[in-house]
Protein backbone atom coordinates (compact mmCIF):
# COMPACT_ATOMS: atom_id res chain seq x y z
CA MET A 1 153.45 89.24 39.73
CA SER A 2 149.95 90.59 40.40
CA THR A 3 148.94 92.66 43.38
CA GLN A 4 145.73 94.23 44.52
CA VAL A 5 145.36 97.33 46.65
CA GLY A 6 141.99 97.31 48.39
CA THR A 7 139.47 96.99 45.59
CA THR A 8 141.46 99.03 43.07
CA GLU A 9 143.13 97.78 39.90
CA PRO A 10 146.22 95.57 40.31
CA ARG A 11 149.63 97.16 39.91
CA SER A 12 153.18 95.87 39.77
CA LEU A 13 155.67 96.31 42.59
CA PRO A 14 159.45 96.07 42.57
CA PRO A 15 160.30 92.51 43.68
CA ASP A 16 162.71 93.61 46.40
CA GLU A 17 160.77 96.60 47.71
CA ALA A 18 161.32 97.07 51.46
CA ILE A 19 158.33 97.74 53.71
CA ASP A 20 157.65 98.14 57.41
CA VAL A 21 155.43 95.11 58.07
CA ALA A 22 154.65 92.03 55.99
CA VAL A 23 151.39 90.31 57.01
CA VAL A 24 151.04 86.68 55.92
CA GLY A 25 147.37 85.79 55.49
CA ALA A 26 144.27 87.79 54.56
CA GLY A 27 141.88 86.39 57.13
CA PRO A 28 140.21 88.75 59.59
CA THR A 29 143.24 89.05 61.89
CA GLY A 30 145.63 89.81 59.04
CA LEU A 31 143.26 92.34 57.49
CA MET A 32 142.56 93.98 60.84
CA ILE A 33 146.21 94.43 61.79
CA ALA A 34 146.93 95.82 58.31
CA ASN A 35 144.20 98.43 58.81
CA LEU A 36 145.47 99.36 62.27
CA LEU A 37 149.07 99.64 61.10
CA GLY A 38 147.85 101.75 58.19
CA LEU A 39 146.20 104.13 60.65
CA HIS A 40 149.60 104.53 62.31
CA GLY A 41 151.26 105.38 59.00
CA LEU A 42 153.26 102.19 58.42
CA ARG A 43 153.99 100.63 55.03
CA VAL A 44 152.29 97.23 54.98
CA ARG A 45 151.78 94.41 52.52
CA VAL A 46 149.34 91.56 53.11
CA ILE A 47 150.33 88.35 51.32
CA GLU A 48 147.51 85.85 50.70
CA ALA A 49 147.92 82.40 49.17
CA GLY A 50 144.35 82.29 47.85
CA PRO A 51 143.11 84.15 44.77
CA ALA A 52 140.52 86.09 46.80
CA LEU A 53 138.95 86.27 50.25
CA ILE A 54 137.09 83.21 51.49
CA ASP A 55 133.46 83.83 50.58
CA PHE A 56 131.58 81.52 52.97
CA PRO A 57 130.72 82.02 56.66
CA ARG A 58 133.07 80.70 59.34
CA GLY A 59 132.83 82.73 62.52
CA VAL A 60 129.29 83.82 63.41
CA GLY A 61 129.75 85.66 66.74
CA MET A 62 131.32 89.06 67.31
CA ASP A 63 131.72 90.49 70.81
CA ASP A 64 131.82 94.04 72.14
CA GLU A 65 135.62 94.20 72.16
CA THR A 66 135.77 93.31 68.47
CA LEU A 67 133.19 95.94 67.53
CA ARG A 68 135.24 98.41 69.55
CA THR A 69 138.30 97.45 67.50
CA PHE A 70 136.35 97.98 64.26
CA GLN A 71 135.52 101.39 65.73
CA THR A 72 139.20 102.10 66.43
CA ALA A 73 139.97 101.10 62.84
CA GLY A 74 137.36 103.59 61.59
CA LEU A 75 135.22 100.84 60.04
CA VAL A 76 132.46 100.12 62.55
CA GLU A 77 129.71 101.93 60.65
CA ARG A 78 130.49 99.79 57.61
CA VAL A 79 130.33 96.50 59.50
CA LEU A 80 127.24 97.18 61.63
CA PRO A 81 124.78 96.45 58.77
CA HIS A 82 126.14 92.89 58.78
CA THR A 83 125.53 92.28 62.51
CA ILE A 84 122.66 91.33 64.82
CA PRO A 85 123.10 93.16 68.17
CA HIS A 86 122.29 91.56 71.51
CA GLN A 87 122.12 88.07 70.07
CA LEU A 88 120.55 85.64 72.50
CA LEU A 89 122.38 82.37 73.25
CA VAL A 90 120.31 79.55 74.75
CA PHE A 91 121.41 76.07 75.80
CA VAL A 92 118.48 73.66 75.77
CA ASP A 93 117.98 70.00 76.60
CA ALA A 94 116.66 67.26 74.33
CA LYS A 95 113.08 68.49 74.91
CA GLN A 96 113.99 72.10 74.05
CA ARG A 97 113.75 73.24 77.69
CA ASP A 98 116.17 75.95 78.79
CA LEU A 99 119.33 74.95 80.59
CA ALA A 100 121.07 78.33 80.40
CA ARG A 101 120.17 81.58 78.71
CA LEU A 102 122.85 84.18 77.94
CA ALA A 103 121.42 87.63 77.31
CA PRO A 104 123.91 90.17 78.67
CA PRO A 105 122.31 93.64 78.71
CA GLN A 106 125.54 95.53 79.46
CA ALA A 107 127.33 97.70 76.97
CA ASP A 108 130.13 98.97 79.21
CA PHE A 109 132.56 99.12 76.31
CA GLY A 110 130.20 100.94 73.97
CA TRP A 111 128.73 97.95 72.12
CA PRO A 112 126.52 94.90 72.84
CA ARG A 113 128.40 91.97 74.31
CA ARG A 114 127.01 89.43 71.81
CA ASN A 115 126.44 90.07 68.11
CA GLY A 116 125.72 87.70 65.25
CA PHE A 117 127.51 88.57 62.01
CA VAL A 118 128.32 87.40 58.49
CA GLN A 119 132.08 86.89 58.32
CA PRO A 120 132.62 87.21 54.55
CA LEU A 121 130.93 90.61 54.57
CA ALA A 122 132.89 91.73 57.64
CA ASP A 123 136.11 90.57 55.98
CA ARG A 124 135.17 92.54 52.87
CA VAL A 125 134.78 95.66 55.03
CA LEU A 126 138.33 95.12 56.29
CA LEU A 127 139.66 94.53 52.78
CA ASP A 128 137.99 97.64 51.41
CA GLY A 129 139.36 99.59 54.38
CA LEU A 130 142.90 99.04 53.13
CA ALA A 131 142.16 101.23 50.10
CA ARG A 132 142.26 104.26 52.44
CA PHE A 133 146.02 103.94 52.80
CA ASP A 134 148.50 104.65 50.03
CA ASP A 135 151.12 102.50 51.74
CA VAL A 136 149.02 99.41 52.50
CA GLU A 137 148.42 96.79 49.82
CA ILE A 138 147.29 93.21 49.44
CA GLN A 139 148.82 90.60 47.19
CA PHE A 140 146.68 87.55 46.31
CA SER A 141 147.71 84.20 44.78
CA SER A 142 151.06 84.46 46.56
CA ARG A 143 152.37 81.83 48.96
CA VAL A 144 155.17 82.50 51.45
CA THR A 145 157.62 79.61 51.18
CA ASP A 146 160.42 80.82 53.43
CA VAL A 147 160.91 83.29 56.28
CA ALA A 148 164.44 84.33 57.24
CA GLN A 149 165.41 87.09 59.63
CA ASP A 150 168.43 88.94 60.87
CA ALA A 151 169.06 91.81 63.26
CA ASP A 152 167.72 94.39 60.81
CA GLY A 153 164.65 92.77 59.32
CA VAL A 154 162.82 89.83 57.78
CA SER A 155 163.20 88.40 54.28
CA LEU A 156 160.22 86.52 52.85
CA THR A 157 160.41 84.29 49.81
CA ILE A 158 157.09 84.33 47.98
CA GLU A 159 155.85 82.03 45.24
CA THR A 160 153.66 83.99 42.80
CA PRO A 161 152.05 83.19 39.43
CA ASP A 162 154.87 85.17 37.82
CA GLY A 163 157.71 83.46 39.65
CA GLU A 164 159.55 83.73 42.92
CA GLN A 165 159.69 87.07 44.72
CA THR A 166 161.68 88.30 47.70
CA LEU A 167 160.18 90.82 50.09
CA ARG A 168 162.12 92.65 52.78
CA ALA A 169 160.29 93.98 55.86
CA ALA A 170 161.22 95.37 59.25
CA PHE A 171 158.70 92.98 60.86
CA ALA A 172 156.50 90.08 59.75
CA VAL A 173 153.18 88.92 61.17
CA GLY A 174 151.94 85.36 60.64
CA ALA A 175 148.16 85.47 60.36
CA ASP A 176 147.96 82.37 58.21
CA GLY A 177 145.67 80.15 60.25
CA GLY A 178 145.89 76.96 62.26
CA SER A 179 148.19 75.25 59.76
CA SER A 180 150.41 78.36 59.70
CA ALA A 181 153.42 78.02 57.43
CA THR A 182 154.93 80.97 59.30
CA ARG A 183 154.76 79.15 62.63
CA LYS A 184 156.26 76.03 61.05
CA ALA A 185 159.05 78.05 59.46
CA LEU A 186 159.90 79.42 62.91
CA GLY A 187 159.99 75.90 64.34
CA LEU A 188 157.46 76.73 67.06
CA GLY A 189 155.40 74.00 68.68
CA PHE A 190 151.60 74.00 68.67
CA GLU A 191 150.64 71.89 71.64
CA GLY A 192 147.14 70.87 72.65
CA THR A 193 144.37 68.45 71.88
CA SER A 194 141.77 67.77 69.20
CA SER A 195 138.20 66.67 69.82
CA ALA A 196 137.45 62.98 69.31
CA ALA A 197 134.18 63.87 67.56
CA ASN A 198 133.79 65.79 64.32
CA TRP A 199 131.04 68.30 63.61
CA PHE A 200 129.08 68.75 60.40
CA VAL A 201 128.38 72.42 59.57
CA ILE A 202 125.65 73.50 57.16
CA ASP A 203 124.97 77.13 56.19
CA VAL A 204 121.69 77.88 54.41
CA ARG A 205 120.16 80.90 52.68
CA ASN A 206 116.56 81.99 53.12
CA ASP A 207 116.44 80.88 56.74
CA PRO A 208 113.73 78.21 56.94
CA LEU A 209 113.13 78.94 60.63
CA GLY A 210 113.59 82.70 60.87
CA ARG A 211 113.80 82.60 64.64
CA PRO A 212 116.46 84.98 66.02
CA GLY A 213 119.16 83.88 68.40
CA ALA A 214 121.55 80.97 68.78
CA TYR A 215 120.37 77.65 70.22
CA VAL A 216 122.59 74.83 71.42
CA CYS A 217 120.63 71.62 71.81
CA CYS A 218 122.37 69.33 74.30
CA ASP A 219 120.59 66.19 73.09
CA PRO A 220 122.67 63.12 74.01
CA ARG A 221 121.31 61.33 70.92
CA ARG A 222 122.99 63.95 68.69
CA PRO A 223 123.95 67.41 69.99
CA TYR A 224 123.38 70.19 67.49
CA VAL A 225 123.38 73.97 67.08
CA SER A 226 120.99 76.32 65.24
CA ILE A 227 122.11 79.94 64.79
CA SER A 228 120.45 82.88 63.06
CA ILE A 229 122.91 85.25 61.40
CA PRO A 230 122.18 88.36 59.32
CA HIS A 231 120.69 88.55 55.84
CA GLY A 232 118.53 85.44 56.12
CA ILE A 233 121.36 82.98 56.78
CA ARG A 234 121.10 80.13 59.30
CA ARG A 235 123.84 77.84 60.51
CA PHE A 236 123.29 74.28 61.68
CA GLU A 237 126.03 72.22 63.33
CA PHE A 238 125.58 68.52 64.12
CA MET A 239 127.94 66.26 66.00
CA LEU A 240 128.88 63.21 63.95
CA LYS A 241 128.64 59.85 65.64
CA ALA A 242 131.34 57.20 65.69
CA GLY A 243 131.54 55.55 62.29
CA GLU A 244 129.96 58.46 60.39
CA THR A 245 132.46 59.69 57.83
CA GLU A 246 132.91 62.95 55.99
CA ALA A 247 131.87 61.15 52.80
CA ASP A 248 128.62 60.12 54.50
CA ALA A 249 127.95 63.66 55.67
CA MET A 250 128.28 65.13 52.20
CA THR A 251 125.38 63.12 50.78
CA ASP A 252 121.95 64.72 50.39
CA GLU A 253 120.33 61.74 52.10
CA PHE A 254 122.43 62.20 55.25
CA LEU A 255 121.71 65.94 55.30
CA ALA A 256 117.98 65.31 54.91
CA ARG A 257 117.97 62.92 57.88
CA LEU A 258 119.70 65.49 60.08
CA LEU A 259 117.42 68.37 59.17
CA GLU A 260 114.11 66.50 59.00
CA PRO A 261 113.27 66.84 62.75
CA ILE A 262 114.08 70.56 62.62
CA VAL A 263 113.18 71.73 59.11
CA PRO A 264 110.20 70.15 57.33
CA ALA A 265 110.73 69.50 53.61
CA SER A 266 114.48 69.80 54.10
CA ALA A 267 115.17 68.94 50.45
CA LYS A 268 114.19 72.53 49.60
CA VAL A 269 116.79 74.07 51.90
CA ASP A 270 119.10 76.43 49.97
CA ILE A 271 122.60 75.26 50.90
CA ILE A 272 125.49 77.76 50.92
CA ARG A 273 128.04 75.18 52.02
CA ARG A 274 128.54 72.06 54.06
CA ARG A 275 131.75 71.03 55.76
CA VAL A 276 133.08 68.69 58.44
CA TYR A 277 135.15 70.27 61.20
CA THR A 278 137.33 69.02 64.03
CA HIS A 279 137.51 71.23 67.11
CA HIS A 280 141.05 71.93 68.32
CA SER A 281 142.41 73.35 71.58
CA ARG A 282 145.96 74.43 70.81
CA LEU A 283 148.40 77.16 71.79
CA ALA A 284 151.65 78.12 70.07
CA GLU A 285 154.86 77.64 72.01
CA HIS A 286 155.60 81.36 71.58
CA PHE A 287 153.79 84.24 69.91
CA ARG A 288 157.04 86.02 69.01
CA SER A 289 160.30 84.89 67.46
CA GLY A 290 162.64 87.81 66.84
CA ARG A 291 160.98 90.12 64.32
CA VAL A 292 158.19 87.67 63.47
CA PHE A 293 154.87 87.41 65.34
CA LEU A 294 151.92 85.03 65.30
CA ILE A 295 148.34 86.22 65.63
CA GLY A 296 144.90 84.62 65.45
CA ASP A 297 144.60 80.93 64.64
CA ALA A 298 148.33 80.78 63.87
CA ALA A 299 148.88 81.44 67.61
CA HIS A 300 145.88 79.67 69.15
CA LEU A 301 142.96 77.45 68.19
CA MET A 302 139.86 76.96 70.32
CA PRO A 303 136.52 75.19 70.01
CA VAL A 304 133.59 77.26 68.80
CA TRP A 305 131.46 77.11 71.93
CA GLN A 306 132.10 80.62 73.17
CA GLY A 307 132.55 82.16 69.72
CA GLN A 308 135.95 83.47 70.76
CA GLY A 309 138.30 82.22 68.05
CA TYR A 310 137.54 85.16 65.77
CA ASN A 311 137.43 87.66 68.64
CA SER A 312 140.68 86.45 70.19
CA GLY A 313 142.45 87.03 66.88
CA ILE A 314 141.13 90.58 66.70
CA ARG A 315 142.44 91.20 70.24
CA ASP A 316 145.85 89.98 69.07
CA ALA A 317 145.83 92.38 66.13
CA LEU A 318 144.94 95.36 68.30
CA ASN A 319 147.47 94.55 71.03
CA LEU A 320 150.35 94.04 68.63
CA SER A 321 149.68 96.83 66.12
CA TRP A 322 150.36 99.82 68.36
CA LYS A 323 153.45 98.19 69.85
CA ILE A 324 154.99 97.65 66.41
CA ALA A 325 154.12 101.27 65.59
CA MET A 326 155.78 102.56 68.77
CA VAL A 327 158.97 100.60 68.25
CA HIS A 328 159.16 101.44 64.56
CA ARG A 329 158.74 105.15 65.34
CA GLY A 330 161.42 105.07 68.03
CA LEU A 331 158.90 105.75 70.81
CA ALA A 332 159.58 102.49 72.68
CA ALA A 333 162.35 99.94 73.05
CA ASP A 334 162.29 96.54 71.38
CA HIS A 335 161.37 94.79 74.63
CA VAL A 336 157.85 96.25 74.43
CA LEU A 337 157.24 93.73 71.63
CA ASP A 338 157.77 90.92 74.13
CA THR A 339 154.76 92.21 76.04
CA TYR A 340 152.52 91.10 73.17
CA GLU A 341 153.01 87.48 74.22
CA SER A 342 153.01 88.14 77.96
CA GLU A 343 149.75 90.09 77.69
CA ARG A 344 147.91 87.85 75.22
CA HIS A 345 149.09 84.30 76.05
CA ASP A 346 147.24 83.76 79.33
CA HIS A 347 144.01 85.33 78.12
CA ALA A 348 144.02 83.21 74.96
CA LYS A 349 144.62 80.12 77.09
CA ALA A 350 141.75 81.05 79.40
CA MET A 351 139.44 81.33 76.39
CA ILE A 352 140.64 77.96 75.07
CA ASP A 353 140.03 76.32 78.46
CA LEU A 354 136.53 77.82 78.80
CA SER A 355 135.55 76.85 75.26
CA THR A 356 136.88 73.32 75.80
CA ARG A 357 134.90 72.87 79.04
CA VAL A 358 131.69 74.11 77.45
CA GLY A 359 132.26 71.84 74.46
CA LYS A 360 132.63 68.82 76.72
CA ALA A 361 129.38 69.68 78.50
CA VAL A 362 127.51 70.11 75.21
CA SER A 363 128.88 66.92 73.68
CA VAL A 364 127.77 64.48 76.38
CA THR A 365 126.22 61.44 74.68
CA ASN A 366 125.66 59.27 77.73
CA ARG A 367 122.02 59.54 78.84
CA PHE A 368 122.83 59.51 82.56
CA GLY A 369 125.69 61.98 82.12
CA ALA A 370 123.36 64.29 80.22
CA LEU A 371 120.76 64.02 82.99
CA ALA A 372 123.36 64.98 85.61
CA ARG A 373 124.49 67.92 83.49
CA ASP A 374 120.94 69.15 82.99
CA LEU A 375 120.18 68.94 86.71
CA PHE A 376 123.35 70.88 87.49
CA PHE A 377 122.47 73.76 85.16
CA ARG A 378 118.86 73.87 86.36
CA SER A 379 120.04 74.05 89.96
CA LEU A 380 122.27 77.00 89.06
CA SER A 381 119.33 78.77 87.43
CA ALA A 382 117.39 78.39 90.68
CA ILE A 383 120.01 80.49 92.51
CA PRO A 384 119.51 84.20 91.66
CA LYS A 385 123.17 85.16 91.90
CA ALA A 386 124.28 82.16 89.87
CA LYS A 387 121.64 82.85 87.24
CA THR A 388 122.75 86.48 86.95
CA TYR A 389 126.36 85.32 86.68
CA ILE A 390 125.42 83.17 83.67
CA VAL A 391 122.97 85.55 82.00
CA THR A 392 125.41 88.47 82.12
CA MET A 393 128.35 86.32 80.99
CA LYS A 394 130.49 87.18 83.98
CA PHE A 395 132.21 83.83 83.47
CA LYS A 396 133.84 85.18 80.29
CA PRO A 397 137.54 85.84 80.98
CA MET A 398 138.27 89.54 80.53
CA PRO A 399 141.66 90.88 79.50
CA THR A 400 143.44 91.44 82.82
CA MET A 401 147.15 92.12 82.54
CA ARG A 402 149.44 91.90 85.53
CA GLU A 403 152.64 92.56 83.62
CA GLY A 404 153.51 94.09 80.29
CA ALA A 405 153.36 97.58 78.81
CA LEU A 406 151.94 99.24 81.90
CA THR A 407 152.85 100.66 85.29
CA ARG A 408 151.24 100.51 88.70
CA VAL A 409 153.26 103.43 90.06
CA GLY A 410 150.73 105.71 91.74
CA SER A 411 147.89 103.18 91.60
CA VAL A 412 146.31 102.64 95.01
CA SER A 413 143.13 100.66 94.23
CA GLU A 414 142.91 96.97 94.99
CA PRO A 415 142.34 95.50 92.54
CA SER A 416 144.05 98.09 90.39
CA PRO A 417 142.36 99.37 87.23
CA VAL A 418 145.75 99.09 85.52
CA GLY A 419 145.79 96.27 83.00
CA ARG A 420 142.01 96.29 82.55
CA LEU A 421 139.78 97.61 79.78
CA PHE A 422 138.47 101.12 80.32
CA ILE A 423 134.79 101.82 79.79
CA GLN A 424 133.41 103.59 76.73
CA PRO A 425 130.44 105.82 77.53
CA THR A 426 128.85 108.42 75.30
CA VAL A 427 130.36 111.85 75.92
CA SER A 428 130.18 115.34 74.51
CA THR A 429 132.94 117.67 73.36
CA ARG A 430 132.80 121.36 72.67
CA ALA A 431 132.58 120.57 68.97
CA VAL A 432 130.37 117.45 69.03
CA PRO A 433 127.27 117.18 71.25
CA SER A 434 127.29 113.38 71.46
CA THR A 435 129.99 110.85 70.56
CA LYS A 436 131.49 107.63 71.86
CA LEU A 437 134.51 108.21 74.06
CA ASP A 438 136.95 106.35 71.80
CA ASP A 439 135.96 108.50 68.83
CA ALA A 440 136.77 111.58 70.88
CA LEU A 441 140.12 110.14 72.00
CA GLY A 442 141.30 108.91 68.60
CA PRO A 443 143.17 105.67 67.90
CA TRP A 444 146.31 106.41 69.93
CA PHE A 445 147.20 106.99 73.60
CA ALA A 446 145.17 109.33 75.80
CA LEU A 447 145.76 110.78 79.25
CA ILE A 448 142.43 111.40 80.96
CA ALA A 449 142.19 113.59 84.07
CA TRP A 450 138.88 113.85 85.92
CA ASN A 451 137.85 117.34 86.98
CA ASN A 452 141.38 118.74 86.69
CA ASP A 453 143.24 120.70 84.04
CA PRO A 454 146.05 118.29 83.08
CA ARG A 455 148.33 121.23 82.30
CA GLN A 456 148.21 122.26 85.94
CA ILE A 457 148.81 118.87 87.56
CA LEU A 458 151.61 117.66 85.24
CA ASP A 459 155.16 118.98 85.45
CA ASP A 460 157.10 120.18 82.40
CA ASP A 461 158.91 116.88 81.93
CA ALA A 462 155.69 114.85 81.93
CA ARG A 463 154.06 117.23 79.46
CA ARG A 464 157.05 116.92 77.13
CA ARG A 465 156.88 113.14 77.33
CA LEU A 466 153.22 113.11 76.39
CA ALA A 467 153.78 115.53 73.52
CA ARG A 468 156.71 113.52 72.19
CA SER A 469 154.61 110.36 72.02
CA GLY A 470 151.56 112.07 70.55
CA VAL A 471 149.37 111.37 73.58
CA ARG A 472 145.98 113.09 73.47
CA VAL A 473 145.51 115.03 76.72
CA VAL A 474 141.93 115.04 78.00
CA GLU A 475 140.05 116.73 80.82
CA ALA A 476 136.83 114.90 81.71
CA ARG A 477 134.10 116.90 83.45
CA PRO A 478 130.42 116.65 84.26
CA ALA A 479 128.53 117.66 81.12
CA THR A 480 127.13 120.68 82.97
CA GLN A 481 130.67 122.12 83.05
CA LEU A 482 131.57 121.35 79.44
CA HIS A 483 131.74 124.96 78.27
CA TRP A 484 133.27 126.48 81.39
CA ASN A 485 136.39 128.36 80.23
CA ALA A 486 135.50 127.75 76.60
CA PRO A 487 136.78 130.47 74.24
CA ALA A 488 134.45 133.44 74.07
CA ALA A 489 133.66 135.53 71.00
CA ASP A 490 136.71 137.72 71.58
CA GLY A 491 139.03 134.70 71.62
CA THR A 492 139.60 134.63 75.38
CA THR A 493 138.20 132.21 77.92
CA LEU A 494 135.62 133.20 80.53
CA ASP A 495 138.31 133.78 83.13
CA GLY A 496 140.32 136.01 80.78
CA THR A 497 143.10 133.54 79.98
CA ALA A 498 144.27 132.65 76.48
CA PRO A 499 142.56 129.61 74.95
CA ASP A 500 144.56 126.39 74.68
CA ASP A 501 143.43 123.65 72.32
CA SER A 502 146.11 121.20 73.49
CA VAL A 503 143.62 119.79 76.00
CA LEU A 504 140.45 118.08 74.83
CA VAL A 505 137.54 118.73 77.18
CA VAL A 506 134.86 116.01 77.29
CA GLY A 507 131.53 116.14 79.09
CA ASP A 508 130.22 113.11 80.98
CA LEU A 509 126.72 112.92 79.50
CA ASP A 510 125.18 110.07 81.49
CA GLY A 511 127.41 110.02 84.56
CA SER A 512 129.29 106.84 83.58
CA LEU A 513 132.71 108.47 83.86
CA LYS A 514 131.91 109.98 87.24
CA ARG A 515 130.66 106.63 88.52
CA TRP A 516 133.91 105.03 87.37
CA PHE A 517 136.02 107.66 89.12
CA ASP A 518 133.73 107.54 92.19
CA ALA A 519 134.73 103.88 92.52
CA HIS A 520 138.49 104.50 92.17
CA PRO A 521 140.83 106.89 94.02
CA GLU A 522 142.89 107.20 90.83
CA SER A 523 141.73 110.35 88.99
CA VAL A 524 144.29 110.35 86.15
CA LEU A 525 144.54 107.51 83.63
CA LEU A 526 146.90 106.72 80.79
CA VAL A 527 144.76 104.74 78.32
CA ARG A 528 146.54 102.71 75.66
CA PRO A 529 145.39 102.41 72.02
CA ASP A 530 143.83 99.02 72.87
CA ARG A 531 141.84 100.83 75.61
CA ILE A 532 143.68 99.00 78.37
CA VAL A 533 144.54 101.26 81.30
CA GLY A 534 148.32 101.51 81.12
CA GLY A 535 148.72 103.69 84.21
CA ALA A 536 146.51 105.22 86.90
CA SER A 537 147.20 107.58 89.79
CA PRO A 538 145.80 110.33 91.96
CA ALA A 539 146.35 113.79 90.50
CA HIS A 540 149.40 114.54 92.68
CA ALA A 541 151.25 111.46 91.35
CA ALA A 542 150.33 111.84 87.66
CA SER A 543 153.77 113.03 86.51
CA GLU A 544 155.50 110.11 88.20
CA MET A 545 152.99 107.73 86.63
CA VAL A 546 153.77 109.12 83.15
CA ARG A 547 157.50 108.69 83.72
CA ALA A 548 157.00 105.16 85.04
CA PHE A 549 155.03 104.18 81.94
CA ASP A 550 157.79 105.57 79.75
CA ALA A 551 160.29 103.48 81.68
CA ALA A 552 158.11 100.38 81.27
CA VAL A 553 158.06 100.69 77.47
CA GLY A 554 161.64 101.95 77.19
CA ALA A 555 160.68 105.33 75.77
CA PRO A 556 163.59 107.72 75.14
CA ASP A 557 163.93 110.87 77.21
CA PRO A 558 162.10 113.76 75.56
CA ARG A 559 164.45 116.14 73.76
CA PRO A 560 162.44 119.11 72.51
CA ALA A 561 163.81 120.83 69.45
CA THR A 562 163.90 124.61 69.23
CA VAL A 563 162.27 126.75 66.58
CA GLY A 564 162.87 130.44 66.80
CA GLY A 565 164.08 130.05 70.36
CA ASN A 566 160.91 128.30 71.51
CA ALA A 567 160.89 124.69 72.64
CA VAL A 568 158.52 122.45 70.72
CA ALA A 569 157.70 118.75 70.85
CA GLY A 570 155.99 117.08 67.94
CA ASN A 571 153.26 114.49 67.93
CA ALA A 572 154.98 111.53 66.33
CA VAL A 573 151.85 109.39 66.15
CA GLY A 574 148.25 110.25 66.95
CA GLY A 575 148.41 113.72 68.38
CA ASN A 576 145.89 116.21 69.72
CA ALA A 577 144.35 117.33 66.45
């Protein structure tokens, strides 16, 4: 049996070696969750049926949440060279006149909302990232043929070039795509619909147009898409008409006819690949079955029109990874794993529904229906508020969780910030003059108190709970106050007290944090590793909020050990380093 760890030389593994998590599939979701679990110190093996990563583009759009997840994984600087920030998306009519223009300027979460990217290069960044971890490995040319589980773990039967192998894991994650063998082995349904029309996708090198942005031409004669992605690559997508077969589409003559109105001398176009696709709108019956989970396309399929298939899978990986880590470390009860489905199912469905509606609008082939559609979108553009709503992509469903691994004890806002993504401004720390907030917080939980010393507003029990779970404790202040009470040259603080590095002080450089807290009466937040607000309260209720979150995830009561007569509580994961 051959294995590969990152990009290092293959090595042999014992056939029955037990690990923490087996990940089936080395697509972006499988590679991302393996990186995140590696950050949390788990032993992981990724099992991929193919001999190597897929080397042609599939997804071409990456959103701000996905870039934030690459940041959490410690890989964002490696993937940025393969992205185009602030990518424009324009829907045009048959005469190339604008119907809708999406150019969101916001970067509330630290990154542009729309980014073009080259998926094979982004996947390679994720693969190479695995080499950082001694206990994370990838095994190519290995197909999972059976998944069996019991109360203690999962047994996977794997067909390899060297024979059958059995792998034992505490948990398994099916990231093996829309035709997921893992989902089928679990007997889970995959309900939904498939588009009646197929689409012909062509990727070319040495972009013959060079124009930036993504253009969707809603021409009833033949809708098509033209997208600029990094490194001189352009994607074209054409809807096939009734009677046009995949065999027809693969001929050079057919390709030339499609490209001729767009690209003169199309015979000279440098083709990377051509492929016929069917758009699916499907959702798995469940995302969890015992110790086995489905993520990405194995859990949900959606049309391409909002570019959210790739991004939804990355959200899955982030949401599930820290929950597996908590349960495996004994920091949460098993039921927290059920919250993966309850938190991700509805949002994935909302993305499927939006993408399906947009696809239907784009694919109109009736001339009168297309005219009505065009008039509708032009009328919206004539209304300032409606135009802003479209341009800024406020129609995009945001993760909003009403139940799951969170608590609303102490939260008084309506709507509550609990269950929503927290912002990511640029801040300062006493060690670093300028950094993104998530980099200051680290990849685990953080408790953020505005303009208060958390040590003073939390009781002993709440502080022990935070220490036991490795929660980073943060005091956020205006940047002008960053160094107030900082250690002086003699080792004391300005008010004469002993320094304490258990609290990270961050300075609000541009006022974004203050504006957020100005808008909410809650001044203390418990932010989860996926940057969802897990709890929020005024300062006086912070200890009760911490206890309520512990109850929500089934955390054990803190039991500090004693060393030399002094009580201590370790940072099991993450920590305040």
